[in-house]
Amino acid sequence: MKKILMVSLGLLFFTMAFVGFSYAGLVELDAPEQTVLEGKLNINTADIDELTMLPGIGVVTAGRIIEYRKEKGNFKSIDEIINVKGIGEKKFGMVKGHLAVEGESTLTMQCRTLRQVTTTK
């Protein structure tokens, strides 16, 4: 009786392992996260924490934006941010869709998990 039980359990584990490995070879599940920004950030009122939500803007550049604002006054247009050291055309292109010079800041950052199924051959 013990021998039959051991053989049965062995076959069960072998079958589960075989089916599991063969299935894993056919379908692979990936769940990468993507950070999505929504809304606008008023660069005339934003603090360092808010400015660093923008892609490519770290603490140093955020500090420069605030210093620029203190020295020159409020930004008249979003394009004026290019005058801040560390922000060129490329970086401006990454953030311009989320910038504003008036109104309330509505910028939010959301992490979304993307489900992607890929098959392997």
PDB file of N, CA and C in Angstrom:
ATOM      1  N   MET A   1       0.824  -1.182   0.000  1.00  0.00           N
ATOM      2  CA  MET A   1       0.000   0.000   0.000  1.00  0.00           C
ATOM      3  C   MET A   1       0.876   1.256   0.000  1.00  0.00           C
ATOM      4  N   LYS A   2       1.944   1.244   0.855  1.00  0.00           N
ATOM      5  CA  LYS A   2       2.850   2.381   0.908  1.00  0.00           C
ATOM      6  C   LYS A   2       3.537   2.603  -0.436  1.00  0.00           C
ATOM      7  N   LYS A   3       3.911   1.506  -1.061  1.00  0.00           N
ATOM      8  CA  LYS A   3       4.615   1.576  -2.336  1.00  0.00           C
ATOM      9  C   LYS A   3       3.712   2.181  -3.415  1.00  0.00           C
ATOM     10  N   ILE A   4       2.455   1.791  -3.435  1.00  0.00           N
ATOM     11  CA  ILE A   4       1.501   2.324  -4.409  1.00  0.00           C
ATOM     12  C   ILE A   4       1.292   3.821  -4.174  1.00  0.00           C
ATOM     13  N   LEU A   5       1.185   4.215  -2.913  1.00  0.00           N
ATOM     14  CA  LEU A   5       1.000   5.629  -2.567  1.00  0.00           C
ATOM     15  C   LEU A   5       2.215   6.449  -2.993  1.00  0.00           C
ATOM     16  N   MET A   6       3.413   5.935  -2.746  1.00  0.00           N
ATOM     17  CA  MET A   6       4.634   6.646  -3.117  1.00  0.00           C
ATOM     18  C   MET A   6       4.757   6.784  -4.641  1.00  0.00           C
ATOM     19  N   VAL A   7       4.437   5.707  -5.360  1.00  0.00           N
ATOM     20  CA  VAL A   7       4.493   5.752  -6.825  1.00  0.00           C
ATOM     21  C   VAL A   7       3.457   6.731  -7.356  1.00  0.00           C
ATOM     22  N   SER A   8       2.265   6.719  -6.776  1.00  0.00           N
ATOM     23  CA  SER A   8       1.197   7.639  -7.210  1.00  0.00           C
ATOM     24  C   SER A   8       1.594   9.084  -6.969  1.00  0.00           C
ATOM     25  N   LEU A   9       2.148   9.363  -5.792  1.00  0.00           N
ATOM     26  CA  LEU A   9       2.591  10.730  -5.496  1.00  0.00           C
ATOM     27  C   LEU A   9       3.723  11.147  -6.433  1.00  0.00           C
ATOM     28  N   GLY A  10       4.632  10.253  -6.703  1.00  0.00           N
ATOM     29  CA  GLY A  10       5.722  10.548  -7.629  1.00  0.00           C
ATOM     30  C   GLY A  10       5.216  10.885  -9.014  1.00  0.00           C
ATOM     31  N   LEU A  11       4.265  10.091  -9.500  1.00  0.00           N
ATOM     32  CA  LEU A  11       3.674  10.364 -10.818  1.00  0.00           C
ATOM     33  C   LEU A  11       2.920  11.688 -10.822  1.00  0.00           C
ATOM     34  N   LEU A  12       2.222  11.971  -9.743  1.00  0.00           N
ATOM     35  CA  LEU A  12       1.474  13.229  -9.641  1.00  0.00           C
ATOM     36  C   LEU A  12       2.427  14.416  -9.713  1.00  0.00           C
ATOM     37  N   PHE A  13       3.514  14.388  -8.931  1.00  0.00           N
ATOM     38  CA  PHE A  13       4.475  15.490  -8.948  1.00  0.00           C
ATOM     39  C   PHE A  13       5.159  15.610 -10.311  1.00  0.00           C
ATOM     40  N   PHE A  14       5.505  14.488 -10.916  1.00  0.00           N
ATOM     41  CA  PHE A  14       6.115  14.504 -12.238  1.00  0.00           C
ATOM     42  C   PHE A  14       5.178  15.133 -13.256  1.00  0.00           C
ATOM     43  N   THR A  15       3.903  14.740 -13.224  1.00  0.00           N
ATOM     44  CA  THR A  15       2.915  15.283 -14.159  1.00  0.00           C
ATOM     45  C   THR A  15       2.739  16.784 -13.949  1.00  0.00           C
ATOM     46  N   MET A  16       2.635  17.198 -12.684  1.00  0.00           N
ATOM     47  CA  MET A  16       2.469  18.631 -12.403  1.00  0.00           C
ATOM     48  C   MET A  16       3.685  19.415 -12.889  1.00  0.00           C
ATOM     49  N   ALA A  17       4.872  18.891 -12.639  1.00  0.00           N
ATOM     50  CA  ALA A  17       6.091  19.579 -13.057  1.00  0.00           C
ATOM     51  C   ALA A  17       6.168  19.657 -14.574  1.00  0.00           C
ATOM     52  N   PHE A  18       5.859  18.561 -15.259  1.00  0.00           N
ATOM     53  CA  PHE A  18       5.916  18.525 -16.717  1.00  0.00           C
ATOM     54  C   PHE A  18       4.936  19.516 -17.318  1.00  0.00           C
ATOM     55  N   VAL A  19       3.697  19.493 -16.852  1.00  0.00           N
ATOM     56  CA  VAL A  19       2.674  20.406 -17.372  1.00  0.00           C
ATOM     57  C   VAL A  19       3.049  21.850 -17.063  1.00  0.00           C
ATOM     58  N   GLY A  20       3.524  22.090 -15.849  1.00  0.00           N
ATOM     59  CA  GLY A  20       3.915  23.450 -15.467  1.00  0.00           C
ATOM     60  C   GLY A  20       5.042  23.987 -16.315  1.00  0.00           C
ATOM     61  N   PHE A  21       6.080  23.174 -16.535  1.00  0.00           N
ATOM     62  CA  PHE A  21       7.219  23.634 -17.334  1.00  0.00           C
ATOM     63  C   PHE A  21       6.857  23.796 -18.797  1.00  0.00           C
ATOM     64  N   SER A  22       6.053  22.914 -19.318  1.00  0.00           N
ATOM     65  CA  SER A  22       5.701  23.048 -20.731  1.00  0.00           C
ATOM     66  C   SER A  22       4.797  24.251 -20.940  1.00  0.00           C
ATOM     67  N   TYR A  23       3.919  24.548 -19.988  1.00  0.00           N
ATOM     68  CA  TYR A  23       3.065  25.732 -20.096  1.00  0.00           C
ATOM     69  C   TYR A  23       3.914  26.989 -19.993  1.00  0.00           C
ATOM     70  N   ALA A  24       4.878  26.974 -19.073  1.00  0.00           N
ATOM     71  CA  ALA A  24       5.740  28.146 -18.902  1.00  0.00           C
ATOM     72  C   ALA A  24       6.526  28.426 -20.173  1.00  0.00           C
ATOM     73  N   GLY A  25       6.823  27.402 -20.958  1.00  0.00           N
ATOM     74  CA  GLY A  25       7.539  27.616 -22.206  1.00  0.00           C
ATOM     75  C   GLY A  25       6.665  28.192 -23.295  1.00  0.00           C
ATOM     76  N   LEU A  26       5.368  28.028 -23.191  1.00  0.00           N
ATOM     77  CA  LEU A  26       4.458  28.522 -24.225  1.00  0.00           C
ATOM     78  C   LEU A  26       4.009  29.953 -23.982  1.00  0.00           C
ATOM     79  N   VAL A  27       3.735  30.305 -22.746  1.00  0.00           N
ATOM     80  CA  VAL A  27       3.209  31.633 -22.439  1.00  0.00           C
ATOM     81  C   VAL A  27       4.019  32.241 -21.312  1.00  0.00           C
ATOM     82  N   GLU A  28       4.410  33.474 -21.518  1.00  0.00           N
ATOM     83  CA  GLU A  28       5.188  34.181 -20.525  1.00  0.00           C
ATOM     84  C   GLU A  28       4.410  35.436 -20.147  1.00  0.00           C
ATOM     85  N   LEU A  29       4.171  35.638 -18.861  1.00  0.00           N
ATOM     86  CA  LEU A  29       3.439  36.814 -18.417  1.00  0.00           C
ATOM     87  C   LEU A  29       4.423  37.845 -17.881  1.00  0.00           C
ATOM     88  N   ASP A  30       4.334  39.049 -18.389  1.00  0.00           N
ATOM     89  CA  ASP A  30       5.143  40.156 -17.905  1.00  0.00           C
ATOM     90  C   ASP A  30       4.203  41.202 -17.333  1.00  0.00           C
ATOM     91  N   ALA A  31       4.606  41.845 -16.252  1.00  0.00           N
ATOM     92  CA  ALA A  31       3.790  42.895 -15.662  1.00  0.00           C
ATOM     93  C   ALA A  31       4.667  44.107 -15.341  1.00  0.00           C
ATOM     94  N   PRO A  32       5.168  44.811 -16.394  1.00  0.00           N
ATOM     95  CA  PRO A  32       5.989  45.989 -16.122  1.00  0.00           C
ATOM     96  C   PRO A  32       5.126  47.144 -15.622  1.00  0.00           C
ATOM     97  N   GLU A  33       5.772  48.027 -14.888  1.00  0.00           N
ATOM     98  CA  GLU A  33       5.062  49.212 -14.414  1.00  0.00           C
ATOM     99  C   GLU A  33       5.424  50.393 -15.295  1.00  0.00           C
ATOM    100  N   GLN A  34       4.463  51.255 -15.474  1.00  0.00           N
ATOM    101  CA  GLN A  34       4.680  52.456 -16.259  1.00  0.00           C
ATOM    102  C   GLN A  34       4.200  53.639 -15.432  1.00  0.00           C
ATOM    103  N   THR A  35       5.019  54.673 -15.357  1.00  0.00           N
ATOM    104  CA  THR A  35       4.633  55.884 -14.648  1.00  0.00           C
ATOM    105  C   THR A  35       4.012  56.837 -15.655  1.00  0.00           C
ATOM    106  N   VAL A  36       2.815  57.310 -15.325  1.00  0.00           N
ATOM    107  CA  VAL A  36       2.084  58.189 -16.228  1.00  0.00           C
ATOM    108  C   VAL A  36       1.804  59.502 -15.512  1.00  0.00           C
ATOM    109  N   LEU A  37       2.151  60.609 -16.180  1.00  0.00           N
ATOM    110  CA  LEU A  37       1.832  61.935 -15.653  1.00  0.00           C
ATOM    111  C   LEU A  37       0.564  62.437 -16.310  1.00  0.00           C
ATOM    112  N   GLU A  38      -0.291  63.022 -15.492  1.00  0.00           N
ATOM    113  CA  GLU A  38      -1.525  63.604 -16.008  1.00  0.00           C
ATOM    114  C   GLU A  38      -1.694  64.988 -15.407  1.00  0.00           C
ATOM    115  N   GLY A  39      -2.142  65.935 -16.208  1.00  0.00           N
ATOM    116  CA  GLY A  39      -2.408  67.276 -15.714  1.00  0.00           C
ATOM    117  C   GLY A  39      -1.284  68.246 -16.017  1.00  0.00           C
ATOM    118  N   LYS A  40      -1.365  69.413 -15.405  1.00  0.00           N
ATOM    119  CA  LYS A  40      -0.408  70.507 -15.629  1.00  0.00           C
ATOM    120  C   LYS A  40       0.221  70.929 -14.308  1.00  0.00           C
ATOM    121  N   LEU A  41       1.442  71.440 -14.408  1.00  0.00           N
ATOM    122  CA  LEU A  41       2.167  71.955 -13.254  1.00  0.00           C
ATOM    123  C   LEU A  41       2.439  73.435 -13.488  1.00  0.00           C
ATOM    124  N   ASN A  42       1.955  74.278 -12.581  1.00  0.00           N
ATOM    125  CA  ASN A  42       2.214  75.706 -12.669  1.00  0.00           C
ATOM    126  C   ASN A  42       3.636  75.951 -12.188  1.00  0.00           C
ATOM    127  N   ILE A  43       4.529  76.301 -13.104  1.00  0.00           N
ATOM    128  CA  ILE A  43       5.938  76.473 -12.754  1.00  0.00           C
ATOM    129  C   ILE A  43       6.198  77.758 -11.971  1.00  0.00           C
ATOM    130  N   ASN A  44       5.204  78.617 -11.848  1.00  0.00           N
ATOM    131  CA  ASN A  44       5.353  79.829 -11.046  1.00  0.00           C
ATOM    132  C   ASN A  44       5.036  79.589  -9.570  1.00  0.00           C
ATOM    133  N   THR A  45       4.385  78.495  -9.257  1.00  0.00           N
ATOM    134  CA  THR A  45       4.023  78.222  -7.864  1.00  0.00           C
ATOM    135  C   THR A  45       4.552  76.876  -7.364  1.00  0.00           C
ATOM    136  N   ALA A  46       5.111  76.056  -8.244  1.00  0.00           N
ATOM    137  CA  ALA A  46       5.547  74.703  -7.885  1.00  0.00           C
ATOM    138  C   ALA A  46       6.750  74.736  -6.942  1.00  0.00           C
ATOM    139  N   ASP A  47       6.769  73.793  -5.990  1.00  0.00           N
ATOM    140  CA  ASP A  47       7.925  73.635  -5.109  1.00  0.00           C
ATOM    141  C   ASP A  47       8.838  72.535  -5.666  1.00  0.00           C
ATOM    142  N   ILE A  48       9.915  72.260  -4.955  1.00  0.00           N
ATOM    143  CA  ILE A  48      10.894  71.279  -5.441  1.00  0.00           C
ATOM    144  C   ILE A  48      10.274  69.903  -5.633  1.00  0.00           C
ATOM    145  N   ASP A  49       9.458  69.471  -4.681  1.00  0.00           N
ATOM    146  CA  ASP A  49       8.840  68.139  -4.798  1.00  0.00           C
ATOM    147  C   ASP A  49       7.975  68.031  -6.043  1.00  0.00           C
ATOM    148  N   GLU A  50       7.226  69.073  -6.338  1.00  0.00           N
ATOM    149  CA  GLU A  50       6.363  69.050  -7.526  1.00  0.00           C
ATOM    150  C   GLU A  50       7.189  69.089  -8.807  1.00  0.00           C
ATOM    151  N   LEU A  51       8.214  69.927  -8.835  1.00  0.00           N
ATOM    152  CA  LEU A  51       9.046  70.050 -10.038  1.00  0.00           C
ATOM    153  C   LEU A  51       9.782  68.752 -10.360  1.00  0.00           C
ATOM    154  N   THR A  52      10.190  68.012  -9.339  1.00  0.00           N
ATOM    155  CA  THR A  52      10.920  66.771  -9.591  1.00  0.00           C
ATOM    156  C   THR A  52      10.010  65.647 -10.071  1.00  0.00           C
ATOM    157  N   MET A  53       8.723  65.864 -10.109  1.00  0.00           N
ATOM    158  CA  MET A  53       7.814  64.887 -10.719  1.00  0.00           C
ATOM    159  C   MET A  53       7.969  64.879 -12.234  1.00  0.00           C
ATOM    160  N   LEU A  54       8.470  65.975 -12.784  1.00  0.00           N
ATOM    161  CA  LEU A  54       8.638  66.089 -14.224  1.00  0.00           C
ATOM    162  C   LEU A  54       9.801  65.225 -14.703  1.00  0.00           C
ATOM    163  N   PRO A  55       9.657  64.560 -15.847  1.00  0.00           N
ATOM    164  CA  PRO A  55      10.738  63.712 -16.348  1.00  0.00           C
ATOM    165  C   PRO A  55      11.991  64.527 -16.662  1.00  0.00           C
ATOM    166  N   GLY A  56      13.137  64.044 -16.166  1.00  0.00           N
ATOM    167  CA  GLY A  56      14.401  64.712 -16.436  1.00  0.00           C
ATOM    168  C   GLY A  56      14.716  65.872 -15.517  1.00  0.00           C
ATOM    169  N   ILE A  57      13.815  66.186 -14.598  1.00  0.00           N
ATOM    170  CA  ILE A  57      14.046  67.291 -13.667  1.00  0.00           C
ATOM    171  C   ILE A  57      14.375  66.705 -12.293  1.00  0.00           C
ATOM    172  N   GLY A  58      15.625  66.884 -11.884  1.00  0.00           N
ATOM    173  CA  GLY A  58      16.044  66.423 -10.568  1.00  0.00           C
ATOM    174  C   GLY A  58      16.036  67.565  -9.572  1.00  0.00           C
ATOM    175  N   VAL A  59      16.567  67.299  -8.405  1.00  0.00           N
ATOM    176  CA  VAL A  59      16.570  68.294  -7.335  1.00  0.00           C
ATOM    177  C   VAL A  59      17.377  69.534  -7.723  1.00  0.00           C
ATOM    178  N   VAL A  60      18.511  69.339  -8.363  1.00  0.00           N
ATOM    179  CA  VAL A  60      19.367  70.478  -8.741  1.00  0.00           C
ATOM    180  C   VAL A  60      18.651  71.377  -9.741  1.00  0.00           C
ATOM    181  N   THR A  61      18.098  70.798 -10.782  1.00  0.00           N
ATOM    182  CA  THR A  61      17.400  71.599 -11.797  1.00  0.00           C
ATOM    183  C   THR A  61      16.155  72.250 -11.205  1.00  0.00           C
ATOM    184  N   ALA A  62      15.449  71.539 -10.345  1.00  0.00           N
ATOM    185  CA  ALA A  62      14.266  72.125  -9.689  1.00  0.00           C
ATOM    186  C   ALA A  62      14.676  73.339  -8.860  1.00  0.00           C
ATOM    187  N   GLY A  63      15.798  73.231  -8.165  1.00  0.00           N
ATOM    188  CA  GLY A  63      16.305  74.374  -7.393  1.00  0.00           C
ATOM    189  C   GLY A  63      16.656  75.550  -8.292  1.00  0.00           C
ATOM    190  N   ARG A  64      17.210  75.267  -9.451  1.00  0.00           N
ATOM    191  CA  ARG A  64      17.543  76.338 -10.407  1.00  0.00           C
ATOM    192  C   ARG A  64      16.289  77.019 -10.933  1.00  0.00           C
ATOM    193  N   ILE A  65      15.227  76.246 -11.148  1.00  0.00           N
ATOM    194  CA  ILE A  65      13.955  76.839 -11.605  1.00  0.00           C
ATOM    195  C   ILE A  65      13.430  77.804 -10.549  1.00  0.00           C
ATOM    196  N   ILE A  66      13.479  77.390  -9.301  1.00  0.00           N
ATOM    197  CA  ILE A  66      12.983  78.247  -8.213  1.00  0.00           C
ATOM    198  C   ILE A  66      13.854  79.490  -8.065  1.00  0.00           C
ATOM    199  N   GLU A  67      15.186  79.342  -8.177  1.00  0.00           N
ATOM    200  CA  GLU A  67      16.092  80.491  -8.103  1.00  0.00           C
ATOM    201  C   GLU A  67      15.834  81.469  -9.245  1.00  0.00           C
ATOM    202  N   TYR A  68      15.654  80.924 -10.444  1.00  0.00           N
ATOM    203  CA  TYR A  68      15.361  81.757 -11.609  1.00  0.00           C
ATOM    204  C   TYR A  68      14.095  82.576 -11.357  1.00  0.00           C
ATOM    205  N   ARG A  69      13.095  81.917 -10.835  1.00  0.00           N
ATOM    206  CA  ARG A  69      11.811  82.561 -10.548  1.00  0.00           C
ATOM    207  C   ARG A  69      11.976  83.677  -9.509  1.00  0.00           C
ATOM    208  N   LYS A  70      12.805  83.432  -8.487  1.00  0.00           N
ATOM    209  CA  LYS A  70      13.038  84.452  -7.449  1.00  0.00           C
ATOM    210  C   LYS A  70      13.773  85.666  -8.014  1.00  0.00           C
ATOM    211  N   GLU A  71      14.765  85.395  -8.888  1.00  0.00           N
ATOM    212  CA  GLU A  71      15.575  86.482  -9.448  1.00  0.00           C
ATOM    213  C   GLU A  71      14.861  87.262 -10.541  1.00  0.00           C
ATOM    214  N   LYS A  72      14.155  86.596 -11.433  1.00  0.00           N
ATOM    215  CA  LYS A  72      13.578  87.236 -12.616  1.00  0.00           C
ATOM    216  C   LYS A  72      12.074  87.501 -12.497  1.00  0.00           C
ATOM    217  N   GLY A  73      11.430  86.931 -11.493  1.00  0.00           N
ATOM    218  CA  GLY A  73       9.976  87.048 -11.390  1.00  0.00           C
ATOM    219  C   GLY A  73       9.315  85.843 -12.063  1.00  0.00           C
ATOM    220  N   ASN A  74       8.007  85.849 -12.064  1.00  0.00           N
ATOM    221  CA  ASN A  74       7.254  84.726 -12.642  1.00  0.00           C
ATOM    222  C   ASN A  74       7.552  84.540 -14.125  1.00  0.00           C
ATOM    223  N   PHE A  75       7.469  83.294 -14.538  1.00  0.00           N
ATOM    224  CA  PHE A  75       7.609  82.972 -15.954  1.00  0.00           C
ATOM    225  C   PHE A  75       6.417  83.566 -16.702  1.00  0.00           C
ATOM    226  N   LYS A  76       6.687  84.196 -17.850  1.00  0.00           N
ATOM    227  CA  LYS A  76       5.607  84.769 -18.672  1.00  0.00           C
ATOM    228  C   LYS A  76       4.995  83.706 -19.583  1.00  0.00           C
ATOM    229  N   SER A  77       5.842  82.761 -20.024  1.00  0.00           N
ATOM    230  CA  SER A  77       5.382  81.659 -20.868  1.00  0.00           C
ATOM    231  C   SER A  77       6.183  80.418 -20.504  1.00  0.00           C
ATOM    232  N   ILE A  78       5.677  79.259 -20.873  1.00  0.00           N
ATOM    233  CA  ILE A  78       6.387  78.020 -20.544  1.00  0.00           C
ATOM    234  C   ILE A  78       7.718  77.935 -21.276  1.00  0.00           C
ATOM    235  N   ASP A  79       7.834  78.558 -22.450  1.00  0.00           N
ATOM    236  CA  ASP A  79       9.079  78.533 -23.237  1.00  0.00           C
ATOM    237  C   ASP A  79      10.235  79.189 -22.499  1.00  0.00           C
ATOM    238  N   GLU A  80       9.931  80.108 -21.591  1.00  0.00           N
ATOM    239  CA  GLU A  80      10.961  80.840 -20.856  1.00  0.00           C
ATOM    240  C   GLU A  80      11.791  79.906 -19.960  1.00  0.00           C
ATOM    241  N   ILE A  81      11.281  78.737 -19.641  1.00  0.00           N
ATOM    242  CA  ILE A  81      12.000  77.805 -18.771  1.00  0.00           C
ATOM    243  C   ILE A  81      13.303  77.318 -19.417  1.00  0.00           C
ATOM    244  N   ILE A  82      13.421  77.480 -20.722  1.00  0.00           N
ATOM    245  CA  ILE A  82      14.661  77.107 -21.424  1.00  0.00           C
ATOM    246  C   ILE A  82      15.828  77.972 -20.956  1.00  0.00           C
ATOM    247  N   ASN A  83      15.544  79.152 -20.404  1.00  0.00           N
ATOM    248  CA  ASN A  83      16.601  80.027 -19.896  1.00  0.00           C
ATOM    249  C   ASN A  83      17.238  79.501 -18.615  1.00  0.00           C
ATOM    250  N   VAL A  84      16.636  78.502 -17.997  1.00  0.00           N
ATOM    251  CA  VAL A  84      17.174  77.914 -16.766  1.00  0.00           C
ATOM    252  C   VAL A  84      18.296  76.947 -17.141  1.00  0.00           C
ATOM    253  N   LYS A  85      19.443  77.079 -16.486  1.00  0.00           N
ATOM    254  CA  LYS A  85      20.579  76.193 -16.750  1.00  0.00           C
ATOM    255  C   LYS A  85      20.154  74.739 -16.504  1.00  0.00           C
ATOM    256  N   GLY A  86      20.478  73.890 -17.472  1.00  0.00           N
ATOM    257  CA  GLY A  86      20.138  72.475 -17.347  1.00  0.00           C
ATOM    258  C   GLY A  86      18.888  72.074 -18.117  1.00  0.00           C
ATOM    259  N   ILE A  87      18.183  73.069 -18.663  1.00  0.00           N
ATOM    260  CA  ILE A  87      16.997  72.761 -19.458  1.00  0.00           C
ATOM    261  C   ILE A  87      17.239  73.262 -20.880  1.00  0.00           C
ATOM    262  N   GLY A  88      17.351  72.314 -21.774  1.00  0.00           N
ATOM    263  CA  GLY A  88      17.539  72.641 -23.185  1.00  0.00           C
ATOM    264  C   GLY A  88      16.304  72.237 -23.971  1.00  0.00           C
ATOM    265  N   GLU A  89      16.435  72.253 -25.268  1.00  0.00           N
ATOM    266  CA  GLU A  89      15.307  71.912 -26.147  1.00  0.00           C
ATOM    267  C   GLU A  89      14.798  70.490 -25.908  1.00  0.00           C
ATOM    268  N   LYS A  90      15.730  69.560 -25.727  1.00  0.00           N
ATOM    269  CA  LYS A  90      15.335  68.159 -25.549  1.00  0.00           C
ATOM    270  C   LYS A  90      14.523  67.963 -24.262  1.00  0.00           C
ATOM    271  N   LYS A  91      15.045  68.484 -23.159  1.00  0.00           N
ATOM    272  CA  LYS A  91      14.345  68.341 -21.887  1.00  0.00           C
ATOM    273  C   LYS A  91      13.017  69.108 -21.915  1.00  0.00           C
ATOM    274  N   PHE A  92      13.029  70.284 -22.522  1.00  0.00           N
ATOM    275  CA  PHE A  92      11.798  71.059 -22.648  1.00  0.00           C
ATOM    276  C   PHE A  92      10.751  70.276 -23.435  1.00  0.00           C
ATOM    277  N   GLY A  93      11.194  69.593 -24.481  1.00  0.00           N
ATOM    278  CA  GLY A  93      10.274  68.784 -25.272  1.00  0.00           C
ATOM    279  C   GLY A  93       9.628  67.668 -24.461  1.00  0.00           C
ATOM    280  N   MET A  94      10.357  67.148 -23.465  1.00  0.00           N
ATOM    281  CA  MET A  94       9.816  66.072 -22.623  1.00  0.00           C
ATOM    282  C   MET A  94       8.777  66.574 -21.630  1.00  0.00           C
ATOM    283  N   VAL A  95       8.881  67.845 -21.212  1.00  0.00           N
ATOM    284  CA  VAL A  95       8.015  68.337 -20.132  1.00  0.00           C
ATOM    285  C   VAL A  95       6.959  69.354 -20.562  1.00  0.00           C
ATOM    286  N   LYS A  96       7.097  69.933 -21.734  1.00  0.00           N
ATOM    287  CA  LYS A  96       6.243  71.072 -22.105  1.00  0.00           C
ATOM    288  C   LYS A  96       4.746  70.778 -22.060  1.00  0.00           C
ATOM    289  N   GLY A  97       4.349  69.555 -22.301  1.00  0.00           N
ATOM    290  CA  GLY A  97       2.934  69.209 -22.257  1.00  0.00           C
ATOM    291  C   GLY A  97       2.338  69.236 -20.866  1.00  0.00           C
ATOM    292  N   HIS A  98       3.198  69.331 -19.855  1.00  0.00           N
ATOM    293  CA  HIS A  98       2.728  69.324 -18.467  1.00  0.00           C
ATOM    294  C   HIS A  98       2.987  70.650 -17.760  1.00  0.00           C
ATOM    295  N   LEU A  99       3.394  71.668 -18.505  1.00  0.00           N
ATOM    296  CA  LEU A  99       3.719  72.948 -17.884  1.00  0.00           C
ATOM    297  C   LEU A  99       2.626  73.980 -18.098  1.00  0.00           C
ATOM    298  N   ALA A 100       2.487  74.862 -17.093  1.00  0.00           N
ATOM    299  CA  ALA A 100       1.573  76.000 -17.173  1.00  0.00           C
ATOM    300  C   ALA A 100       2.204  77.157 -16.407  1.00  0.00           C
ATOM    301  N   VAL A 101       1.802  78.376 -16.722  1.00  0.00           N
ATOM    302  CA  VAL A 101       2.316  79.545 -16.003  1.00  0.00           C
ATOM    303  C   VAL A 101       1.219  80.256 -15.220  1.00  0.00           C
ATOM    304  N   GLU A 102       0.028  79.735 -15.281  1.00  0.00           N
ATOM    305  CA  GLU A 102      -1.080  80.294 -14.485  1.00  0.00           C
ATOM    306  C   GLU A 102      -2.056  79.171 -14.144  1.00  0.00           C
ATOM    307  N   GLY A 103      -2.891  79.443 -13.185  1.00  0.00           N
ATOM    308  CA  GLY A 103      -3.873  78.451 -12.763  1.00  0.00           C
ATOM    309  C   GLY A 103      -3.315  77.503 -11.715  1.00  0.00           C
ATOM    310  N   GLU A 104      -4.155  76.611 -11.293  1.00  0.00           N
ATOM    311  CA  GLU A 104      -3.796  75.647 -10.261  1.00  0.00           C
ATOM    312  C   GLU A 104      -3.037  74.465 -10.858  1.00  0.00           C
ATOM    313  N   SER A 105      -2.066  73.956 -10.110  1.00  0.00           N
ATOM    314  CA  SER A 105      -1.341  72.755 -10.533  1.00  0.00           C
ATOM    315  C   SER A 105      -2.246  71.543 -10.344  1.00  0.00           C
ATOM    316  N   THR A 106      -2.332  70.734 -11.387  1.00  0.00           N
ATOM    317  CA  THR A 106      -3.175  69.527 -11.333  1.00  0.00           C
ATOM    318  C   THR A 106      -2.374  68.271 -11.666  1.00  0.00           C
ATOM    319  N   LEU A 107      -1.051  68.402 -11.697  1.00  0.00           N
ATOM    320  CA  LEU A 107      -0.197  67.287 -12.100  1.00  0.00           C
ATOM    321  C   LEU A 107      -0.267  66.144 -11.091  1.00  0.00           C
ATOM    322  N   THR A 108      -0.532  64.961 -11.590  1.00  0.00           N
ATOM    323  CA  THR A 108      -0.516  63.764 -10.759  1.00  0.00           C
ATOM    324  C   THR A 108       0.343  62.709 -11.436  1.00  0.00           C
ATOM    325  N   MET A 109       0.940  61.857 -10.616  1.00  0.00           N
ATOM    326  CA  MET A 109       1.767  60.774 -11.126  1.00  0.00           C
ATOM    327  C   MET A 109       1.105  59.463 -10.737  1.00  0.00           C
ATOM    328  N   GLN A 110       0.893  58.602 -11.721  1.00  0.00           N
ATOM    329  CA  GLN A 110       0.253  57.325 -11.455  1.00  0.00           C
ATOM    330  C   GLN A 110       1.128  56.207 -11.980  1.00  0.00           C
ATOM    331  N   CYS A 111       1.249  55.147 -11.195  1.00  0.00           N
ATOM    332  CA  CYS A 111       1.965  53.945 -11.640  1.00  0.00           C
ATOM    333  C   CYS A 111       0.928  52.936 -12.078  1.00  0.00           C
ATOM    334  N   ARG A 112       1.077  52.477 -13.277  1.00  0.00           N
ATOM    335  CA  ARG A 112       0.146  51.491 -13.819  1.00  0.00           C
ATOM    336  C   ARG A 112       0.906  50.231 -14.167  1.00  0.00           C
ATOM    337  N   THR A 113       0.305  49.104 -13.864  1.00  0.00           N
ATOM    338  CA  THR A 113       0.882  47.826 -14.243  1.00  0.00           C
ATOM    339  C   THR A 113       0.279  47.418 -15.564  1.00  0.00           C
ATOM    340  N   LEU A 114       1.135  47.171 -16.519  1.00  0.00           N
ATOM    341  CA  LEU A 114       0.687  46.781 -17.843  1.00  0.00           C
ATOM    342  C   LEU A 114       0.795  45.266 -17.948  1.00  0.00           C
ATOM    343  N   ARG A 115      -0.269  44.635 -18.340  1.00  0.00           N
ATOM    344  CA  ARG A 115      -0.257  43.179 -18.535  1.00  0.00           C
ATOM    345  C   ARG A 115       0.036  42.907 -19.998  1.00  0.00           C
ATOM    346  N   GLN A 116       1.044  42.114 -20.208  1.00  0.00           N
ATOM    347  CA  GLN A 116       1.435  41.791 -21.571  1.00  0.00           C
ATOM    348  C   GLN A 116       1.670  40.285 -21.644  1.00  0.00           C
ATOM    349  N   VAL A 117       1.066  39.679 -22.591  1.00  0.00           N
ATOM    350  CA  VAL A 117       1.258  38.248 -22.786  1.00  0.00           C
ATOM    351  C   VAL A 117       2.066  38.040 -24.053  1.00  0.00           C
ATOM    352  N   THR A 118       3.185  37.337 -23.917  1.00  0.00           N
ATOM    353  CA  THR A 118       4.002  37.033 -25.075  1.00  0.00           C
ATOM    354  C   THR A 118       4.142  35.515 -25.176  1.00  0.00           C
ATOM    355  N   THR A 119       4.115  35.034 -26.385  1.00  0.00           N
ATOM    356  CA  THR A 119       4.292  33.587 -26.581  1.00  0.00           C
ATOM    357  C   THR A 119       5.704  33.326 -27.047  1.00  0.00           C
ATOM    358  N   THR A 120       6.249  32.234 -26.590  1.00  0.00           N
ATOM    359  CA  THR A 120       7.588  31.843 -27.021  1.00  0.00           C
ATOM    360  C   THR A 120       7.498  30.558 -27.807  1.00  0.00           C
ATOM    361  N   LYS A 121       8.378  30.394 -28.726  1.00  0.00           N
ATOM    362  CA  LYS A 121       8.351  29.200 -29.587  1.00  0.00           C
ATOM    363  C   LYS A 121       9.545  28.350 -29.334  1.00  0.00           C
TER     364      LYS A 121
END
